[in-house]
C-alpha atoms as a PDB file:
ATOM      1  CA  UNK A   1      -8.667 -15.405  12.453  1.00  0.00           C
ATOM      2  CA  UNK A   2      -7.077 -11.882  12.625  1.00  0.00           C
ATOM      3  CA  UNK A   3      -5.572 -10.252   9.561  1.00  0.00           C
ATOM      4  CA  UNK A   4      -1.982 -10.012   8.765  1.00  0.00           C
ATOM      5  CA  UNK A   5      -0.697  -6.729   9.977  1.00  0.00           C
ATOM      6  CA  UNK A   6       2.011  -4.715   8.293  1.00  0.00           C
ATOM      7  CA  UNK A   7       3.740  -1.370   7.616  1.00  0.00           C
ATOM      8  CA  UNK A   8       3.504   0.621   4.440  1.00  0.00           C
ATOM      9  CA  UNK A   9       6.434   2.835   3.144  1.00  0.00           C
ATOM     10  CA  UNK A  10       6.679   5.468   0.420  1.00  0.00           C
ATOM     11  CA  UNK A  11      10.268   6.499   1.131  1.00  0.00           C
ATOM     12  CA  UNK A  12       9.495  10.328   1.154  1.00  0.00           C
ATOM     13  CA  UNK A  13      12.519  12.322   1.956  1.00  0.00           C
ATOM     14  CA  UNK A  14      11.236  15.910   1.947  1.00  0.00           C
ATOM     15  CA  UNK A  15      12.754  19.216   2.934  1.00  0.00           C
ATOM     16  CA  UNK A  16      13.230  20.477   5.675  1.00  0.00           C
ATOM     17  CA  UNK A  17      13.969  17.024   6.964  1.00  0.00           C
ATOM     18  CA  UNK A  18      15.962  15.811   4.057  1.00  0.00           C
ATOM     19  CA  UNK A  19      18.508  13.052   4.659  1.00  0.00           C
ATOM     20  CA  UNK A  20      21.225  11.633   2.289  1.00  0.00           C
ATOM     21  CA  UNK A  21      19.198   9.382   0.064  1.00  0.00           C
ATOM     22  CA  UNK A  22      21.587   6.356   0.140  1.00  0.00           C
ATOM     23  CA  UNK A  23      21.624   6.492   3.907  1.00  0.00           C
ATOM     24  CA  UNK A  24      17.924   6.968   4.172  1.00  0.00           C
ATOM     25  CA  UNK A  25      17.172   3.861   1.843  1.00  0.00           C
ATOM     26  CA  UNK A  26      19.769   2.050   4.068  1.00  0.00           C
ATOM     27  CA  UNK A  27      17.926   2.874   7.161  1.00  0.00           C
ATOM     28  CA  UNK A  28      14.610   1.766   5.659  1.00  0.00           C
ATOM     29  CA  UNK A  29      16.199  -1.674   4.778  1.00  0.00           C
ATOM     30  CA  UNK A  30      17.686  -2.002   8.268  1.00  0.00           C
ATOM     31  CA  UNK A  31      14.254  -1.236   9.769  1.00  0.00           C
ATOM     32  CA  UNK A  32      12.530  -3.569   7.696  1.00  0.00           C
ATOM     33  CA  UNK A  33      14.981  -6.397   8.347  1.00  0.00           C
ATOM     34  CA  UNK A  34      14.469  -5.720  12.165  1.00  0.00           C
ATOM     35  CA  UNK A  35      10.692  -5.748  11.727  1.00  0.00           C
ATOM     36  CA  UNK A  36      10.865  -9.020   9.966  1.00  0.00           C
ATOM     37  CA  UNK A  37      13.245 -10.578  12.639  1.00  0.00           C
ATOM     38  CA  UNK A  38      10.675  -9.477  15.355  1.00  0.00           C
ATOM     39  CA  UNK A  39       7.838 -11.018  13.328  1.00  0.00           C
ATOM     40  CA  UNK A  40       6.001  -8.330  11.305  1.00  0.00           C
ATOM     41  CA  UNK A  41       3.373  -9.788   9.162  1.00  0.00           C
ATOM     42  CA  UNK A  42       3.937  -7.832   6.031  1.00  0.00           C
ATOM     43  CA  UNK A  43       5.830  -4.882   4.493  1.00  0.00           C
ATOM     44  CA  UNK A  44       4.308  -2.852   1.611  1.00  0.00           C
ATOM     45  CA  UNK A  45       5.575  -0.151  -0.773  1.00  0.00           C
ATOM     46  CA  UNK A  46       4.008   2.062  -3.321  1.00  0.00           C
ATOM     47  CA  UNK A  47       4.684   4.093  -6.512  1.00  0.00           C
ATOM     48  CA  UNK A  48       4.662   7.610  -7.871  1.00  0.00           C
ATOM     49  CA  UNK A  49       6.913   9.476 -10.294  1.00  0.00           C
ATOM     50  CA  UNK A  50       8.522  12.961 -10.334  1.00  0.00           C
ATOM     51  CA  UNK A  51       7.557  13.885  -6.698  1.00  0.00           C
ATOM     52  CA  UNK A  52       9.798  16.581  -5.325  1.00  0.00           C
ATOM     53  CA  UNK A  53      10.252  14.769  -2.035  1.00  0.00           C
ATOM     54  CA  UNK A  54      11.483  11.470  -3.553  1.00  0.00           C
ATOM     55  CA  UNK A  55       8.380   9.349  -3.355  1.00  0.00           C
ATOM     56  CA  UNK A  56       9.383   5.760  -4.247  1.00  0.00           C
ATOM     57  CA  UNK A  57       9.118   5.427  -8.055  1.00  0.00           C
ATOM     58  CA  UNK A  58       9.911   1.700  -8.389  1.00  0.00           C
ATOM     59  CA  UNK A  59       8.154  -0.581  -5.931  1.00  0.00           C
ATOM     60  CA  UNK A  60       9.150  -3.973  -7.320  1.00  0.00           C
ATOM     61  CA  UNK A  61      12.777  -2.859  -7.455  1.00  0.00           C
ATOM     62  CA  UNK A  62      12.597  -1.891  -3.749  1.00  0.00           C
ATOM     63  CA  UNK A  63      10.894  -5.013  -2.833  1.00  0.00           C
ATOM     64  CA  UNK A  64      13.727  -7.173  -4.419  1.00  0.00           C
ATOM     65  CA  UNK A  65      16.042  -5.421  -2.070  1.00  0.00           C
ATOM     66  CA  UNK A  66      13.672  -5.973   0.825  1.00  0.00           C
ATOM     67  CA  UNK A  67      13.103  -9.598  -0.036  1.00  0.00           C
ATOM     68  CA  UNK A  68      16.713 -10.251   0.147  1.00  0.00           C
ATOM     69  CA  UNK A  69      16.949  -8.639   3.633  1.00  0.00           C
ATOM     70  CA  UNK A  70      13.915 -10.499   5.069  1.00  0.00           C
ATOM     71  CA  UNK A  71      12.831 -14.165   5.413  1.00  0.00           C
ATOM     72  CA  UNK A  72       9.316 -14.422   7.033  1.00  0.00           C
ATOM     73  CA  UNK A  73       6.986 -11.497   6.229  1.00  0.00           C
ATOM     74  CA  UNK A  74       4.689 -11.019   3.257  1.00  0.00           C
ATOM     75  CA  UNK A  75       5.885  -8.460   0.820  1.00  0.00           C
ATOM     76  CA  UNK A  76       3.281  -6.234  -0.996  1.00  0.00           C
ATOM     77  CA  UNK A  77       2.907  -3.501  -3.665  1.00  0.00           C
ATOM     78  CA  UNK A  78       0.116  -0.990  -2.867  1.00  0.00           C
ATOM     79  CA  UNK A  79       0.386  -0.344  -5.838  1.00  0.00           C
ATOM     80  CA  UNK A  80       2.217  -0.807  -8.999  1.00  0.00           C
ATOM     81  CA  UNK A  81       0.803   1.575 -11.529  1.00  0.00           C
ATOM     82  CA  UNK A  82      -0.260  -0.881 -14.096  1.00  0.00           C
ATOM     83  CA  UNK A  83      -0.893   1.246 -17.169  1.00  0.00           C
ATOM     84  CA  UNK A  84       2.755   2.523 -17.151  1.00  0.00           C
ATOM     85  CA  UNK A  85       4.231  -0.928 -17.649  1.00  0.00           C
ATOM     86  CA  UNK A  86       3.709  -3.792 -20.080  1.00  0.00           C
ATOM     87  CA  UNK A  87       2.079  -6.722 -18.345  1.00  0.00           C
ATOM     88  CA  UNK A  88       4.920  -9.055 -19.213  1.00  0.00           C
ATOM     89  CA  UNK A  89       7.431  -6.674 -17.535  1.00  0.00           C
ATOM     90  CA  UNK A  90       5.200  -6.633 -14.462  1.00  0.00           C
ATOM     91  CA  UNK A  91       4.989 -10.473 -14.469  1.00  0.00           C
ATOM     92  CA  UNK A  92       8.770 -10.882 -14.868  1.00  0.00           C
ATOM     93  CA  UNK A  93       9.723  -8.427 -12.192  1.00  0.00           C
ATOM     94  CA  UNK A  94       7.119  -9.872  -9.720  1.00  0.00           C
ATOM     95  CA  UNK A  95       8.326 -13.385 -10.373  1.00  0.00           C
ATOM     96  CA  UNK A  96      11.935 -12.355  -9.720  1.00  0.00           C
ATOM     97  CA  UNK A  97      10.783 -10.670  -6.345  1.00  0.00           C
ATOM     98  CA  UNK A  98       8.844 -13.786  -5.473  1.00  0.00           C
ATOM     99  CA  UNK A  99      11.832 -16.202  -6.174  1.00  0.00           C
ATOM    100  CA  UNK A 100      14.170 -13.926  -4.100  1.00  0.00           C
ATOM    101  CA  UNK A 101      11.662 -13.830  -1.339  1.00  0.00           C
ATOM    102  CA  UNK A 102      10.852 -17.629  -1.523  1.00  0.00           C
ATOM    103  CA  UNK A 103       7.184 -17.092  -2.252  1.00  0.00           C
ATOM    104  CA  UNK A 104       6.097 -14.135  -0.202  1.00  0.00           C
ATOM    105  CA  UNK A 105       4.933 -11.535  -2.798  1.00  0.00           C
ATOM    106  CA  UNK A 106       1.455  -9.885  -2.771  1.00  0.00           C
ATOM    107  CA  UNK A 107       1.051  -8.105  -6.032  1.00  0.00           C
ATOM    108  CA  UNK A 108      -1.173  -5.045  -5.947  1.00  0.00           C
ATOM    109  CA  UNK A 109      -1.849  -3.300  -9.273  1.00  0.00           C
ATOM    110  CA  UNK A 110      -3.620   0.048  -9.546  1.00  0.00           C
ATOM    111  CA  UNK A 111      -4.809   2.519 -12.287  1.00  0.00           C
ATOM    112  CA  UNK A 112      -2.935   5.725 -11.180  1.00  0.00           C
ATOM    113  CA  UNK A 113      -4.177   9.201 -11.752  1.00  0.00           C
ATOM    114  CA  UNK A 114      -1.402  11.671 -12.319  1.00  0.00           C
ATOM    115  CA  UNK A 115      -1.301  13.028 -15.868  1.00  0.00           C
ATOM    116  CA  UNK A 116       2.495  13.725 -16.271  1.00  0.00           C
ATOM    117  CA  UNK A 117       3.297  10.153 -15.206  1.00  0.00           C
ATOM    118  CA  UNK A 118       1.238   8.870 -18.024  1.00  0.00           C
ATOM    119  CA  UNK A 119       2.689  11.310 -20.501  1.00  0.00           C
ATOM    120  CA  UNK A 120       6.202  10.426 -19.515  1.00  0.00           C
ATOM    121  CA  UNK A 121       5.546   6.743 -20.038  1.00  0.00           C
ATOM    122  CA  UNK A 122       3.466   7.096 -23.296  1.00  0.00           C
ATOM    123  CA  UNK A 123       0.415   5.741 -21.551  1.00  0.00           C
ATOM    124  CA  UNK A 124      -3.268   7.008 -21.989  1.00  0.00           C
ATOM    125  CA  UNK A 125      -4.673   8.488 -18.837  1.00  0.00           C
ATOM    126  CA  UNK A 126      -8.247   8.163 -20.236  1.00  0.00           C
ATOM    127  CA  UNK A 127      -7.763   4.407 -20.779  1.00  0.00           C
ATOM    128  CA  UNK A 128      -6.279   3.697 -17.267  1.00  0.00           C
ATOM    129  CA  UNK A 129      -8.977   1.528 -15.898  1.00  0.00           C
ATOM    130  CA  UNK A 130      -9.239  -0.770 -19.066  1.00  0.00           C
ATOM    131  CA  UNK A 131      -5.409  -1.090 -19.055  1.00  0.00           C
ATOM    132  CA  UNK A 132      -5.289  -1.977 -15.380  1.00  0.00           C
ATOM    133  CA  UNK A 133      -8.104  -4.591 -15.936  1.00  0.00           C
ATOM    134  CA  UNK A 134      -6.164  -5.995 -18.684  1.00  0.00           C
ATOM    135  CA  UNK A 135      -2.912  -6.106 -16.704  1.00  0.00           C
ATOM    136  CA  UNK A 136      -4.614  -7.775 -13.742  1.00  0.00           C
ATOM    137  CA  UNK A 137      -5.995 -10.508 -16.146  1.00  0.00           C
ATOM    138  CA  UNK A 138      -2.917 -10.773 -18.269  1.00  0.00           C
ATOM    139  CA  UNK A 139      -0.372 -11.190 -15.418  1.00  0.00           C
ATOM    140  CA  UNK A 140      -2.398 -13.950 -13.908  1.00  0.00           C
ATOM    141  CA  UNK A 141      -2.544 -15.591 -17.285  1.00  0.00           C
ATOM    142  CA  UNK A 142       1.093 -15.345 -17.759  1.00  0.00           C
ATOM    143  CA  UNK A 143       1.726 -17.025 -14.396  1.00  0.00           C
ATOM    144  CA  UNK A 144      -0.835 -19.787 -14.840  1.00  0.00           C
ATOM    145  CA  UNK A 145       0.621 -20.625 -18.356  1.00  0.00           C
ATOM    146  CA  UNK A 146       4.211 -20.531 -17.254  1.00  0.00           C
ATOM    147  CA  UNK A 147       4.731 -17.538 -19.594  1.00  0.00           C
ATOM    148  CA  UNK A 148       7.735 -16.076 -17.852  1.00  0.00           C
ATOM    149  CA  UNK A 149      10.979 -17.422 -16.652  1.00  0.00           C
ATOM    150  CA  UNK A 150      11.731 -17.848 -13.913  1.00  0.00           C
ATOM    151  CA  UNK A 151       8.184 -18.248 -12.839  1.00  0.00           C
ATOM    152  CA  UNK A 152       6.935 -17.250  -9.392  1.00  0.00           C
ATOM    153  CA  UNK A 153       7.355 -19.691  -6.471  1.00  0.00           C
ATOM    154  CA  UNK A 154       3.748 -19.217  -5.414  1.00  0.00           C
ATOM    155  CA  UNK A 155       1.079 -20.959  -7.450  1.00  0.00           C
ATOM    156  CA  UNK A 156      -1.099 -18.951  -7.690  1.00  0.00           C
ATOM    157  CA  UNK A 157       0.640 -15.661  -6.752  1.00  0.00           C
ATOM    158  CA  UNK A 158      -1.747 -13.417  -4.938  1.00  0.00           C
ATOM    159  CA  UNK A 159      -2.911 -10.576  -7.144  1.00  0.00           C
ATOM    160  CA  UNK A 160      -4.854  -7.494  -5.897  1.00  0.00           C
ATOM    161  CA  UNK A 161      -6.719  -4.669  -7.522  1.00  0.00           C
ATOM    162  CA  UNK A 162      -6.055  -1.271  -6.047  1.00  0.00           C
ATOM    163  CA  UNK A 163      -9.539  -0.116  -6.749  1.00  0.00           C
ATOM    164  CA  UNK A 164     -11.884   1.967  -4.563  1.00  0.00           C
ATOM    165  CA  UNK A 165     -15.682   2.387  -4.659  1.00  0.00           C
ATOM    166  CA  UNK A 166     -18.411   0.303  -6.062  1.00  0.00           C
ATOM    167  CA  UNK A 167     -17.366   0.264  -9.645  1.00  0.00           C
ATOM    168  CA  UNK A 168     -13.854  -0.941  -8.525  1.00  0.00           C
ATOM    169  CA  UNK A 169     -15.309  -3.465  -6.311  1.00  0.00           C
ATOM    170  CA  UNK A 170     -17.240  -4.947  -9.243  1.00  0.00           C
ATOM    171  CA  UNK A 171     -14.249  -4.903 -11.514  1.00  0.00           C
ATOM    172  CA  UNK A 172     -12.041  -6.823  -8.981  1.00  0.00           C
ATOM    173  CA  UNK A 173     -14.936  -9.414  -8.277  1.00  0.00           C
ATOM    174  CA  UNK A 174     -15.273 -10.179 -12.065  1.00  0.00           C
ATOM    175  CA  UNK A 175     -11.552 -10.623 -12.460  1.00  0.00           C
ATOM    176  CA  UNK A 176     -11.404 -13.000  -9.400  1.00  0.00           C
ATOM    177  CA  UNK A 177      -8.580 -10.903  -7.608  1.00  0.00           C
ATOM    178  CA  UNK A 178      -8.261  -9.406  -4.161  1.00  0.00           C
ATOM    179  CA  UNK A 179      -9.783  -6.057  -3.537  1.00  0.00           C
ATOM    180  CA  UNK A 180      -7.418  -3.521  -1.875  1.00  0.00           C
ATOM    181  CA  UNK A 181      -9.935  -1.833   0.319  1.00  0.00           C
ATOM    182  CA  UNK A 182     -11.588  -2.674   3.736  1.00  0.00           C
ATOM    183  CA  UNK A 183     -14.606  -0.403   2.849  1.00  0.00           C
ATOM    184  CA  UNK A 184     -17.569  -2.428   4.124  1.00  0.00           C
ATOM    185  CA  UNK A 185     -19.948  -0.786   1.558  1.00  0.00           C
ATOM    186  CA  UNK A 186     -17.794  -2.593  -1.229  1.00  0.00           C
ATOM    187  CA  UNK A 187     -18.059  -5.970   0.305  1.00  0.00           C
ATOM    188  CA  UNK A 188     -21.507  -7.090  -1.135  1.00  0.00           C
ATOM    189  CA  UNK A 189     -20.721  -5.732  -4.534  1.00  0.00           C
ATOM    190  CA  UNK A 190     -17.371  -7.535  -4.680  1.00  0.00           C
ATOM    191  CA  UNK A 191     -18.910 -10.744  -3.275  1.00  0.00           C
ATOM    192  CA  UNK A 192     -21.745 -10.662  -5.859  1.00  0.00           C
ATOM    193  CA  UNK A 193     -19.369  -9.928  -8.784  1.00  0.00           C
ATOM    194  CA  UNK A 194     -17.218 -12.768  -7.816  1.00  0.00           C
ATOM    195  CA  UNK A 195     -20.178 -15.185  -7.822  1.00  0.00           C
ATOM    196  CA  UNK A 196     -21.594 -13.783 -11.127  1.00  0.00           C
ATOM    197  CA  UNK A 197     -18.156 -14.456 -12.732  1.00  0.00           C
ATOM    198  CA  UNK A 198     -18.039 -17.985 -11.492  1.00  0.00           C
ATOM    199  CA  UNK A 199     -15.331 -17.547  -8.954  1.00  0.00           C
ATOM    200  CA  UNK A 200     -15.416 -19.502  -5.621  1.00  0.00           C
ATOM    201  CA  UNK A 201     -16.501 -17.595  -2.559  1.00  0.00           C
ATOM    202  CA  UNK A 202     -13.241 -18.795  -0.960  1.00  0.00           C
ATOM    203  CA  UNK A 203     -11.235 -16.435  -3.176  1.00  0.00           C
ATOM    204  CA  UNK A 204     -12.679 -13.313  -1.728  1.00  0.00           C
ATOM    205  CA  UNK A 205     -10.098 -11.276   0.062  1.00  0.00           C
ATOM    206  CA  UNK A 206      -9.832  -7.687   1.124  1.00  0.00           C
ATOM    207  CA  UNK A 207      -7.300  -5.447   2.774  1.00  0.00           C
ATOM    208  CA  UNK A 208      -5.539  -2.063   2.537  1.00  0.00           C
ATOM    209  CA  UNK A 209      -3.848   0.740   4.525  1.00  0.00           C
ATOM    210  CA  UNK A 210      -5.643   1.759   7.639  1.00  0.00           C
ATOM    211  CA  UNK A 211      -6.479   5.257   8.985  1.00  0.00           C
ATOM    212  CA  UNK A 212      -4.379   5.108  12.196  1.00  0.00           C
ATOM    213  CA  UNK A 213      -0.841   4.923  13.378  1.00  0.00           C
ATOM    214  CA  UNK A 214       0.436   3.756  16.794  1.00  0.00           C
ATOM    215  CA  UNK A 215       1.820   5.704  19.868  1.00  0.00           C
ATOM    216  CA  UNK A 216       2.481   5.434  23.435  1.00  0.00           C
ATOM    217  CA  UNK A 217       1.201   9.041  23.846  1.00  0.00           C
ATOM    218  CA  UNK A 218      -1.210   9.834  21.037  1.00  0.00           C
ATOM    219  CA  UNK A 219      -1.469  13.620  21.749  1.00  0.00           C
ATOM    220  CA  UNK A 220       2.228  14.210  21.814  1.00  0.00           C
ATOM    221  CA  UNK A 221       2.911  12.020  18.752  1.00  0.00           C
ATOM    222  CA  UNK A 222       0.210  14.013  16.808  1.00  0.00           C
ATOM    223  CA  UNK A 223       1.972  17.192  17.385  1.00  0.00           C
ATOM    224  CA  UNK A 224       5.242  15.693  16.513  1.00  0.00           C
ATOM    225  CA  UNK A 225       4.166  14.444  13.185  1.00  0.00           C
ATOM    226  CA  UNK A 226       1.609  17.217  12.356  1.00  0.00           C
ATOM    227  CA  UNK A 227       4.054  18.983   9.882  1.00  0.00           C
ATOM    228  CA  UNK A 228       4.939  15.760   8.259  1.00  0.00           C
ATOM    229  CA  UNK A 229       1.252  14.960   7.922  1.00  0.00           C
ATOM    230  CA  UNK A 230       0.554  18.413   6.490  1.00  0.00           C
ATOM    231  CA  UNK A 231       3.342  17.788   3.957  1.00  0.00           C
ATOM    232  CA  UNK A 232       1.943  14.514   3.005  1.00  0.00           C
ATOM    233  CA  UNK A 233      -1.601  15.729   2.308  1.00  0.00           C
ATOM    234  CA  UNK A 234      -0.405  18.858   0.428  1.00  0.00           C
ATOM    235  CA  UNK A 235       1.851  16.724  -1.728  1.00  0.00           C
ATOM    236  CA  UNK A 236      -1.013  14.497  -2.704  1.00  0.00           C
ATOM    237  CA  UNK A 237      -2.958  17.690  -3.537  1.00  0.00           C
ATOM    238  CA  UNK A 238      -0.169  18.965  -5.762  1.00  0.00           C
ATOM    239  CA  UNK A 239       0.185  15.577  -7.404  1.00  0.00           C
ATOM    240  CA  UNK A 240      -3.458  15.316  -8.333  1.00  0.00           C
ATOM    241  CA  UNK A 241      -3.372  18.766  -9.845  1.00  0.00           C
ATOM    242  CA  UNK A 242      -0.351  18.220 -12.039  1.00  0.00           C
ATOM    243  CA  UNK A 243      -1.214  18.649 -15.650  1.00  0.00           C
ATOM    244  CA  UNK A 244      -4.658  19.978 -15.040  1.00  0.00           C
ATOM    245  CA  UNK A 245      -3.834  23.743 -15.018  1.00  0.00           C
ATOM    246  CA  UNK A 246      -5.293  23.993 -11.464  1.00  0.00           C
ATOM    247  CA  UNK A 247      -3.386  25.445  -8.533  1.00  0.00           C
ATOM    248  CA  UNK A 248      -4.285  23.502  -5.414  1.00  0.00           C
ATOM    249  CA  UNK A 249      -4.965  25.264  -2.092  1.00  0.00           C
ATOM    250  CA  UNK A 250      -2.333  24.198   0.406  1.00  0.00           C
ATOM    251  CA  UNK A 251      -3.621  23.043   3.841  1.00  0.00           C
ATOM    252  CA  UNK A 252      -2.435  24.724   7.080  1.00  0.00           C
ATOM    253  CA  UNK A 253      -1.300  22.749  10.068  1.00  0.00           C
ATOM    254  CA  UNK A 254      -4.513  23.992  11.937  1.00  0.00           C
ATOM    255  CA  UNK A 255      -6.680  22.629   9.348  1.00  0.00           C
ATOM    256  CA  UNK A 256      -4.943  19.233   9.561  1.00  0.00           C
ATOM    257  CA  UNK A 257      -5.052  19.333  13.318  1.00  0.00           C
ATOM    258  CA  UNK A 258      -8.922  19.702  12.983  1.00  0.00           C
ATOM    259  CA  UNK A 259      -9.202  16.922  10.526  1.00  0.00           C
ATOM    260  CA  UNK A 260     -10.229  19.262   7.674  1.00  0.00           C
ATOM    261  CA  UNK A 261      -9.203  19.083   4.142  1.00  0.00           C
ATOM    262  CA  UNK A 262      -8.105  15.520   3.631  1.00  0.00           C
ATOM    263  CA  UNK A 263     -10.483  14.868   0.710  1.00  0.00           C
ATOM    264  CA  UNK A 264     -10.531  11.073  -0.137  1.00  0.00           C
ATOM    265  CA  UNK A 265      -7.829  10.391   2.551  1.00  0.00           C
ATOM    266  CA  UNK A 266      -9.346   9.771   6.041  1.00  0.00           C
ATOM    267  CA  UNK A 267      -8.305  11.929   8.856  1.00  0.00           C
ATOM    268  CA  UNK A 268      -5.438  10.241  10.477  1.00  0.00           C
ATOM    269  CA  UNK A 269      -5.964   8.778  14.026  1.00  0.00           C
ATOM    270  CA  UNK A 270      -3.072   8.310  16.512  1.00  0.00           C
ATOM    271  CA  UNK A 271      -4.104   5.310  18.715  1.00  0.00           C
ATOM    272  CA  UNK A 272      -2.717   3.359  21.679  1.00  0.00           C
ATOM    273  CA  UNK A 273      -2.284  -0.382  21.141  1.00  0.00           C
ATOM    274  CA  UNK A 274      -5.595  -1.084  22.902  1.00  0.00           C
ATOM    275  CA  UNK A 275      -7.453   1.405  20.930  1.00  0.00           C
ATOM    276  CA  UNK A 276      -5.846   0.130  17.707  1.00  0.00           C
ATOM    277  CA  UNK A 277      -6.809  -3.600  18.575  1.00  0.00           C
ATOM    278  CA  UNK A 278     -10.480  -2.513  18.842  1.00  0.00           C
ATOM    279  CA  UNK A 279     -10.309  -0.500  15.617  1.00  0.00           C
ATOM    280  CA  UNK A 280      -8.894  -3.576  13.754  1.00  0.00           C
ATOM    281  CA  UNK A 281     -11.704  -5.890  15.128  1.00  0.00           C
ATOM    282  CA  UNK A 282     -14.321  -3.219  14.020  1.00  0.00           C
ATOM    283  CA  UNK A 283     -12.766  -2.947  10.443  1.00  0.00           C
ATOM    284  CA  UNK A 284     -12.653  -6.876  10.145  1.00  0.00           C
ATOM    285  CA  UNK A 285     -16.188  -7.510  11.430  1.00  0.00           C
ATOM    286  CA  UNK A 286     -17.976  -9.495   8.733  1.00  0.00           C
ATOM    287  CA  UNK A 287     -15.379  -8.986   5.979  1.00  0.00           C
ATOM    288  CA  UNK A 288     -12.843 -11.265   4.401  1.00  0.00           C
ATOM    289  CA  UNK A 289      -9.881  -9.129   5.461  1.00  0.00           C
ATOM    290  CA  UNK A 290      -6.505 -10.710   4.877  1.00  0.00           C
ATOM    291  CA  UNK A 291      -4.044  -7.728   5.110  1.00  0.00           C
ATOM    292  CA  UNK A 292      -4.032  -4.401   7.068  1.00  0.00           C
ATOM    293  CA  UNK A 293      -1.067  -2.174   7.011  1.00  0.00           C
ATOM    294  CA  UNK A 294      -0.289   1.018   8.760  1.00  0.00           C
ATOM    295  CA  UNK A 295       1.733   4.045   7.370  1.00  0.00           C
ATOM    296  CA  UNK A 296       5.273   3.192   8.534  1.00  0.00           C
ATOM    297  CA  UNK A 297       6.406   6.705   8.112  1.00  0.00           C
ATOM    298  CA  UNK A 298       4.421   9.836   7.276  1.00  0.00           C
ATOM    299  CA  UNK A 299       6.062  12.616   5.211  1.00  0.00           C
ATOM    300  CA  UNK A 300       9.560  11.803   6.398  1.00  0.00           C
ATOM    301  CA  UNK A 301       8.717  11.863  10.029  1.00  0.00           C
ATOM    302  CA  UNK A 302      11.463  11.397  12.646  1.00  0.00           C
ATOM    303  CA  UNK A 303      13.154   7.982  12.556  1.00  0.00           C
ATOM    304  CA  UNK A 304      12.745   7.381  16.326  1.00  0.00           C
ATOM    305  CA  UNK A 305       8.885   7.522  15.939  1.00  0.00           C
ATOM    306  CA  UNK A 306       8.895   5.250  12.896  1.00  0.00           C
ATOM    307  CA  UNK A 307      11.032   2.608  14.924  1.00  0.00           C
ATOM    308  CA  UNK A 308       8.798   2.957  17.968  1.00  0.00           C
ATOM    309  CA  UNK A 309       5.617   2.375  15.946  1.00  0.00           C
ATOM    310  CA  UNK A 310       7.179  -0.762  14.462  1.00  0.00           C
ATOM    311  CA  UNK A 311       7.935  -1.958  18.031  1.00  0.00           C
ATOM    312  CA  UNK A 312       4.458  -1.356  19.165  1.00  0.00           C
ATOM    313  CA  UNK A 313       3.038  -3.085  16.095  1.00  0.00           C
ATOM    314  CA  UNK A 314       5.001  -6.257  16.230  1.00  0.00           C
ATOM    315  CA  UNK A 315       5.682  -6.533  20.080  1.00  0.00           C
ATOM    316  CA  UNK A 316       2.168  -5.388  21.266  1.00  0.00           C
ATOM    317  CA  UNK A 317      -0.584  -5.058  18.692  1.00  0.00           C
ATOM    318  CA  UNK A 318      -0.117  -8.289  16.998  1.00  0.00           C
ATOM    319  CA  UNK A 319       0.050 -10.256  20.193  1.00  0.00           C
ATOM    320  CA  UNK A 320      -3.158  -8.425  21.364  1.00  0.00           C
ATOM    321  CA  UNK A 321      -5.047  -9.601  18.274  1.00  0.00           C
ATOM    322  CA  UNK A 322      -3.600 -13.119  18.403  1.00  0.00           C
ATOM    323  CA  UNK A 323      -3.379 -14.044  22.144  1.00  0.00           C
END
């Protein structure tokens, strides 16, 4: 069984490609409605605060609007920064999205890492992993005990830990939640932790954002999105350095073209549909992969490229994997 494939959006709207924000959000919603009509498997959004390019700050608010404009696809957060919000607020907001979407939410929670975000919300950066573990467990408890009204349509509502690396895999397994990575090195650690905590093997599920986007002509598209990818990577560098006193070195387009300087973010591949199908099969081999999603837009890249990738995903890649 192939995983559900989807698109992942952060709503970046940077200079020098800035659009009117209301129109740009409207275009996103139109695109997502069309993707849903065509049969996209899932749509995902994410969260950061105070980013100069307008990075989406409220994923569950956005998903409520997306839920109202769609009817079939799964709707995911990748991720809500859990330490910034009380677990009851997360549960209530998630339940409302699930009700609006008639039972389609995938709730991903993560720990965050940007110091000014924690300061602004009165949260403790040093305590972020404990806080996220608590939220993952507490939101599940609230749902199971009917502790918010309305409750979600789904029982249980899928909850995911946005954790990377072996420690994160162990945490997710102990909590019995999905693990938001497809890193094969994490699988045995996650599986063993599920078993040690008494969770059935059938609860194991993995997924996450992949390291490629789709194009008819990969070389041409790479050059078209290179400035946007460079902006994206440099923005992450700036975000990670906030509050540290460090001045991050900005990457050049030549460095990004050569695949250097991405850090924990894998170099981006531009693939044809045939190449992407092979890549997905390789990622999924031997793993309980439920969801994989591609960057729908990178650094405010041209709307025509975003729309064409959506078409390739739903009209060609999904059928290739599910003939």
